[in-house]
C-alpha atoms as a PDB file:
ATOM      1  CA  MET A   1      73.615  65.902 117.499  1.00  0.00           C
ATOM      2  CA  ALA A   2      77.120  64.779 118.525  1.00  0.00           C
ATOM      3  CA  THR A   3      80.398  65.111 116.200  1.00  0.00           C
ATOM      4  CA  ARG A   4      82.499  62.006 115.508  1.00  0.00           C
ATOM      5  CA  ALA A   5      85.130  62.758 117.659  1.00  0.00           C
ATOM      6  CA  ASP A   6      82.488  63.174 120.772  1.00  0.00           C
ATOM      7  CA  TYR A   7      81.850  59.742 119.809  1.00  0.00           C
ATOM      8  CA  ALA A   8      85.021  58.652 119.498  1.00  0.00           C
ATOM      9  CA  ARG A   9      85.754  60.310 123.315  1.00  0.00           C
ATOM     10  CA  TRP A  10      82.635  58.637 124.216  1.00  0.00           C
ATOM     11  CA  MET A  11      84.048  54.998 123.373  1.00  0.00           C
ATOM     12  CA  THR A  12      87.682  56.059 124.884  1.00  0.00           C
ATOM     13  CA  ASP A  13      85.764  57.258 128.204  1.00  0.00           C
ATOM     14  CA  GLY A  14      84.076  53.942 128.503  1.00  0.00           C
ATOM     15  CA  GLY A  15      87.770  52.241 128.563  1.00  0.00           C
ATOM     16  CA  LEU A  16      87.765  51.389 124.388  1.00  0.00           C
ATOM     17  CA  ARG A  17      90.665  51.929 122.187  1.00  0.00           C
ATOM     18  CA  VAL A  18      89.629  53.638 119.036  1.00  0.00           C
ATOM     19  CA  THR A  19      91.497  51.647 116.420  1.00  0.00           C
ATOM     20  CA  TYR A  20      89.874  53.613 113.523  1.00  0.00           C
ATOM     21  CA  ASN A  21      87.999  57.152 113.059  1.00  0.00           C
ATOM     22  CA  GLU A  22      87.635  57.976 109.275  1.00  0.00           C
ATOM     23  CA  ASP A  23      85.210  60.909 107.726  1.00  0.00           C
ATOM     24  CA  TRP A  24      83.589  59.616 104.972  1.00  0.00           C
ATOM     25  CA  THR A  25      81.140  62.633 104.571  1.00  0.00           C
ATOM     26  CA  ASP A  26      82.527  63.778 101.054  1.00  0.00           C
ATOM     27  CA  ARG A  27      81.913  60.023  99.833  1.00  0.00           C
ATOM     28  CA  VAL A  28      78.146  60.070 101.194  1.00  0.00           C
ATOM     29  CA  ALA A  29      77.083  63.715 100.174  1.00  0.00           C
ATOM     30  CA  ARG A  30      78.065  62.788  96.946  1.00  0.00           C
ATOM     31  CA  THR A  31      75.614  59.952  97.091  1.00  0.00           C
ATOM     32  CA  TRP A  32      72.663  62.266  98.002  1.00  0.00           C
ATOM     33  CA  GLU A  33      73.568  64.008  95.190  1.00  0.00           C
ATOM     34  CA  ILE A  34      73.611  61.541  92.753  1.00  0.00           C
ATOM     35  CA  CYS A  35      70.328  60.313  94.485  1.00  0.00           C
ATOM     36  CA  LYS A  36      68.587  63.962  93.650  1.00  0.00           C
ATOM     37  CA  GLN A  37      69.648  63.903  90.389  1.00  0.00           C
ATOM     38  CA  ARG A  38      67.851  60.254  89.503  1.00  0.00           C
ATOM     39  CA  VAL A  39      64.909  61.920  91.542  1.00  0.00           C
ATOM     40  CA  GLN A  40      65.001  64.846  89.087  1.00  0.00           C
ATOM     41  CA  ARG A  41      65.436  63.144  85.866  1.00  0.00           C
ATOM     42  CA  SER A  42      63.136  60.155  86.790  1.00  0.00           C
ATOM     43  CA  GLY A  43      60.524  62.084  87.571  1.00  0.00           C
ATOM     44  CA  VAL A  44      59.955  59.314  90.464  1.00  0.00           C
ATOM     45  CA  ARG A  45      58.715  62.227  92.722  1.00  0.00           C
ATOM     46  CA  HIS A  46      55.259  62.453  90.846  1.00  0.00           C
ATOM     47  CA  ILE A  47      54.950  58.852  91.048  1.00  0.00           C
ATOM     48  CA  ALA A  48      55.015  58.849  94.856  1.00  0.00           C
ATOM     49  CA  LYS A  49      53.215  61.781  95.319  1.00  0.00           C
ATOM     50  CA  VAL A  50      50.098  59.603  94.344  1.00  0.00           C
ATOM     51  CA  LEU A  51      51.170  56.364  95.813  1.00  0.00           C
ATOM     52  CA  ASP A  52      53.244  57.280  99.314  1.00  0.00           C
ATOM     53  CA  ARG A  53      53.249  60.502 101.090  1.00  0.00           C
ATOM     54  CA  GLU A  54      55.977  59.248 103.343  1.00  0.00           C
ATOM     55  CA  GLN A  55      58.377  58.565 100.123  1.00  0.00           C
ATOM     56  CA  VAL A  56      57.508  62.341  99.242  1.00  0.00           C
ATOM     57  CA  ASP A  57      58.733  63.983 102.443  1.00  0.00           C
ATOM     58  CA  PHE A  58      61.755  61.207 102.186  1.00  0.00           C
ATOM     59  CA  ILE A  59      62.890  62.971  98.650  1.00  0.00           C
ATOM     60  CA  ASP A  60      61.994  66.172  99.879  1.00  0.00           C
ATOM     61  CA  GLY A  61      64.758  65.750 102.724  1.00  0.00           C
ATOM     62  CA  PHE A  62      67.611  65.568 100.029  1.00  0.00           C
ATOM     63  CA  ASP A  63      68.425  69.063  99.952  1.00  0.00           C
ATOM     64  CA  THR A  64      68.166  69.202 103.874  1.00  0.00           C
ATOM     65  CA  LEU A  65      70.367  66.498 104.194  1.00  0.00           C
ATOM     66  CA  LEU A  66      72.775  68.029 101.240  1.00  0.00           C
ATOM     67  CA  ASN A  67      72.729  71.277 103.085  1.00  0.00           C
ATOM     68  CA  ALA A  68      73.691  69.728 106.187  1.00  0.00           C
ATOM     69  CA  TYR A  69      77.129  67.898 104.587  1.00  0.00           C
ATOM     70  CA  ARG A  70      78.092  70.608 103.083  1.00  0.00           C
ATOM     71  CA  SER A  71      77.871  73.000 106.050  1.00  0.00           C
ATOM     72  CA  GLY A  72      79.506  70.704 108.546  1.00  0.00           C
ATOM     73  CA  ALA A  73      76.350  70.519 110.462  1.00  0.00           C
ATOM     74  CA  MET A  74      76.200  67.106 109.843  1.00  0.00           C
ATOM     75  CA  GLN A  75      79.292  64.141 109.567  1.00  0.00           C
ATOM     76  CA  TYR A  76      79.252  60.588 108.440  1.00  0.00           C
ATOM     77  CA  GLY A  77      81.864  58.365 109.330  1.00  0.00           C
ATOM     78  CA  ALA A  78      83.251  55.052 110.700  1.00  0.00           C
ATOM     79  CA  ILE A  79      84.511  54.854 114.168  1.00  0.00           C
ATOM     80  CA  VAL A  80      85.631  50.916 115.066  1.00  0.00           C
ATOM     81  CA  ALA A  81      86.551  50.321 118.754  1.00  0.00           C
ATOM     82  CA  GLU A  82      88.230  47.727 120.859  1.00  0.00           C
ATOM     83  CA  LYS A  83      87.772  46.774 124.362  1.00  0.00           C
ATOM     84  CA  GLN A  84      91.162  47.095 126.308  1.00  0.00           C
ATOM     85  CA  ALA A  85      92.933  43.688 127.442  1.00  0.00           C
END
């Protein structure tokens, strides 16, 4: 996986001008923490086990995503670039 800086550099190397490059990792990680808490409180995982195995796999992946964000192995952000005149 590439970093946000890699993507920005590729855009620049491709002739674009990066006008915005923001790290949203903390905010996104917090969203996954909330999702995990809601799943734990609601018991939805037990229902998902009966209805859809893919949903259980998705739910079980929350910790992996959180660990990736917390360790810095994965980032989430936004990059805006424009074509040079």
